[in-house]
């Protein structure tokens, strides 16, 4: 006898708005019973001494460490800019005061 009944399968089908025939109710009840049994077996395998995992393989950071290093001098950069003012790049205005 399946753990899930035909009536439960019919109820699930109604909730999912699926049209299911009588033959399909029996077939789905058997299939869902197998699925529920498999899920139950997975729960039995889980042991307290096995830590939970989120990935099958370990994750490693592929980025380099964030280390402060000397950079290009600000004055050198501004000398190469098309326009500079007060120690900053000068760019064309795109907004007016009222916007």
C-alpha atoms as a PDB file:
ATOM      1  CA  UNK A   1       0.000   0.000   0.000  1.00  0.00           C
ATOM      2  CA  UNK A   2       1.501   3.352  -0.988  1.00  0.00           C
ATOM      3  CA  UNK A   3       2.236   5.896   1.745  1.00  0.00           C
ATOM      4  CA  UNK A   4       0.451   8.533  -0.331  1.00  0.00           C
ATOM      5  CA  UNK A   5      -3.139   7.827  -1.317  1.00  0.00           C
ATOM      6  CA  UNK A   6      -4.980   8.442  -4.566  1.00  0.00           C
ATOM      7  CA  UNK A   7      -7.039  11.071  -2.758  1.00  0.00           C
ATOM      8  CA  UNK A   8      -3.872  12.928  -1.715  1.00  0.00           C
ATOM      9  CA  UNK A   9      -2.573  12.812  -5.282  1.00  0.00           C
ATOM     10  CA  UNK A  10      -5.929  14.112  -6.552  1.00  0.00           C
ATOM     11  CA  UNK A  11      -5.782  16.905  -3.956  1.00  0.00           C
ATOM     12  CA  UNK A  12      -2.242  17.844  -5.045  1.00  0.00           C
ATOM     13  CA  UNK A  13      -3.359  17.781  -8.681  1.00  0.00           C
ATOM     14  CA  UNK A  14      -6.237  20.138  -7.872  1.00  0.00           C
ATOM     15  CA  UNK A  15      -3.888  22.499  -6.024  1.00  0.00           C
ATOM     16  CA  UNK A  16      -1.537  22.490  -9.027  1.00  0.00           C
ATOM     17  CA  UNK A  17      -4.536  22.858 -11.356  1.00  0.00           C
ATOM     18  CA  UNK A  18      -3.599  19.703 -13.241  1.00  0.00           C
ATOM     19  CA  UNK A  19      -6.120  17.477 -14.975  1.00  0.00           C
ATOM     20  CA  UNK A  20      -5.240  13.914 -13.967  1.00  0.00           C
ATOM     21  CA  UNK A  21      -6.991  10.725 -15.086  1.00  0.00           C
ATOM     22  CA  UNK A  22      -7.803   7.796 -12.752  1.00  0.00           C
ATOM     23  CA  UNK A  23      -4.961   5.738 -14.240  1.00  0.00           C
ATOM     24  CA  UNK A  24      -2.557   8.603 -13.677  1.00  0.00           C
ATOM     25  CA  UNK A  25      -3.658   8.905 -10.033  1.00  0.00           C
ATOM     26  CA  UNK A  26      -2.532   5.325  -9.387  1.00  0.00           C
ATOM     27  CA  UNK A  27       0.712   5.810 -11.314  1.00  0.00           C
ATOM     28  CA  UNK A  28       1.537   9.112  -9.591  1.00  0.00           C
ATOM     29  CA  UNK A  29       0.722   7.683  -6.159  1.00  0.00           C
ATOM     30  CA  UNK A  30       3.305   4.944  -6.729  1.00  0.00           C
ATOM     31  CA  UNK A  31       5.890   7.368  -8.086  1.00  0.00           C
ATOM     32  CA  UNK A  32       5.405   9.817  -5.239  1.00  0.00           C
ATOM     33  CA  UNK A  33       5.719   6.948  -2.763  1.00  0.00           C
ATOM     34  CA  UNK A  34       9.127   6.065  -4.248  1.00  0.00           C
ATOM     35  CA  UNK A  35      10.202   9.729  -4.103  1.00  0.00           C
ATOM     36  CA  UNK A  36       9.106  10.099  -0.479  1.00  0.00           C
ATOM     37  CA  UNK A  37      10.922   6.862   0.416  1.00  0.00           C
ATOM     38  CA  UNK A  38      14.107   8.144  -1.214  1.00  0.00           C
ATOM     39  CA  UNK A  39      13.899  11.424   0.692  1.00  0.00           C
ATOM     40  CA  UNK A  40      13.381   9.498   3.940  1.00  0.00           C
ATOM     41  CA  UNK A  41      16.487   7.387   3.231  1.00  0.00           C
ATOM     42  CA  UNK A  42      18.553  10.541   2.713  1.00  0.00           C
ATOM     43  CA  UNK A  43      17.421  11.734   6.130  1.00  0.00           C
ATOM     44  CA  UNK A  44      18.588   8.436   7.660  1.00  0.00           C
ATOM     45  CA  UNK A  45      22.052   8.736   6.096  1.00  0.00           C
ATOM     46  CA  UNK A  46      22.733  12.191   7.510  1.00  0.00           C
ATOM     47  CA  UNK A  47      24.859  11.706  10.600  1.00  0.00           C
ATOM     48  CA  UNK A  48      25.729  14.076  13.409  1.00  0.00           C
ATOM     49  CA  UNK A  49      29.466  13.615  12.834  1.00  0.00           C
ATOM     50  CA  UNK A  50      29.252  14.760   9.185  1.00  0.00           C
ATOM     51  CA  UNK A  51      29.371  18.553   8.829  1.00  0.00           C
ATOM     52  CA  UNK A  52      26.776  20.135   6.535  1.00  0.00           C
ATOM     53  CA  UNK A  53      28.097  21.324   3.179  1.00  0.00           C
ATOM     54  CA  UNK A  54      26.855  23.786   0.617  1.00  0.00           C
ATOM     55  CA  UNK A  55      29.192  22.754  -2.212  1.00  0.00           C
ATOM     56  CA  UNK A  56      30.513  19.430  -3.436  1.00  0.00           C
ATOM     57  CA  UNK A  57      34.011  20.850  -3.893  1.00  0.00           C
ATOM     58  CA  UNK A  58      35.839  23.337  -1.682  1.00  0.00           C
ATOM     59  CA  UNK A  59      35.618  26.972  -2.695  1.00  0.00           C
ATOM     60  CA  UNK A  60      38.793  28.995  -3.019  1.00  0.00           C
ATOM     61  CA  UNK A  61      39.229  32.689  -3.554  1.00  0.00           C
ATOM     62  CA  UNK A  62      40.651  33.266  -7.028  1.00  0.00           C
ATOM     63  CA  UNK A  63      41.361  36.935  -6.388  1.00  0.00           C
ATOM     64  CA  UNK A  64      44.663  38.238  -5.147  1.00  0.00           C
ATOM     65  CA  UNK A  65      44.995  39.580  -1.647  1.00  0.00           C
ATOM     66  CA  UNK A  66      44.063  43.239  -1.273  1.00  0.00           C
ATOM     67  CA  UNK A  67      47.419  44.790  -0.454  1.00  0.00           C
ATOM     68  CA  UNK A  68      48.118  48.517  -0.367  1.00  0.00           C
ATOM     69  CA  UNK A  69      50.812  49.344  -2.904  1.00  0.00           C
ATOM     70  CA  UNK A  70      52.333  52.585  -4.136  1.00  0.00           C
ATOM     71  CA  UNK A  71      50.298  54.196  -6.877  1.00  0.00           C
ATOM     72  CA  UNK A  72      50.940  56.742  -9.605  1.00  0.00           C
ATOM     73  CA  UNK A  73      51.503  60.221  -8.277  1.00  0.00           C
ATOM     74  CA  UNK A  74      48.387  62.427  -8.513  1.00  0.00           C
ATOM     75  CA  UNK A  75      50.286  65.273 -10.163  1.00  0.00           C
ATOM     76  CA  UNK A  76      51.624  62.928 -12.870  1.00  0.00           C
ATOM     77  CA  UNK A  77      48.111  61.696 -13.648  1.00  0.00           C
ATOM     78  CA  UNK A  78      46.653  65.206 -13.778  1.00  0.00           C
ATOM     79  CA  UNK A  79      49.435  66.314 -16.129  1.00  0.00           C
ATOM     80  CA  UNK A  80      48.270  63.664 -18.604  1.00  0.00           C
ATOM     81  CA  UNK A  81      44.579  64.657 -18.284  1.00  0.00           C
ATOM     82  CA  UNK A  82      42.959  66.773 -21.039  1.00  0.00           C
ATOM     83  CA  UNK A  83      41.818  69.264 -18.366  1.00  0.00           C
ATOM     84  CA  UNK A  84      42.426  69.534 -14.618  1.00  0.00           C
ATOM     85  CA  UNK A  85      41.338  72.020 -11.969  1.00  0.00           C
ATOM     86  CA  UNK A  86      41.969  72.174  -8.194  1.00  0.00           C
ATOM     87  CA  UNK A  87      43.677  68.767  -8.173  1.00  0.00           C
ATOM     88  CA  UNK A  88      40.811  67.001  -9.987  1.00  0.00           C
ATOM     89  CA  UNK A  89      39.823  66.074 -13.520  1.00  0.00           C
ATOM     90  CA  UNK A  90      37.733  68.743 -15.214  1.00  0.00           C
ATOM     91  CA  UNK A  91      34.801  67.368 -17.213  1.00  0.00           C
ATOM     92  CA  UNK A  92      31.998  69.075 -19.124  1.00  0.00           C
ATOM     93  CA  UNK A  93      28.881  69.933 -17.093  1.00  0.00           C
ATOM     94  CA  UNK A  94      25.955  67.658 -17.950  1.00  0.00           C
ATOM     95  CA  UNK A  95      23.390  68.959 -15.451  1.00  0.00           C
ATOM     96  CA  UNK A  96      22.207  72.471 -14.723  1.00  0.00           C
ATOM     97  CA  UNK A  97      21.237  73.867 -11.320  1.00  0.00           C
ATOM     98  CA  UNK A  98      17.478  73.290 -11.749  1.00  0.00           C
ATOM     99  CA  UNK A  99      17.709  69.590 -12.587  1.00  0.00           C
END
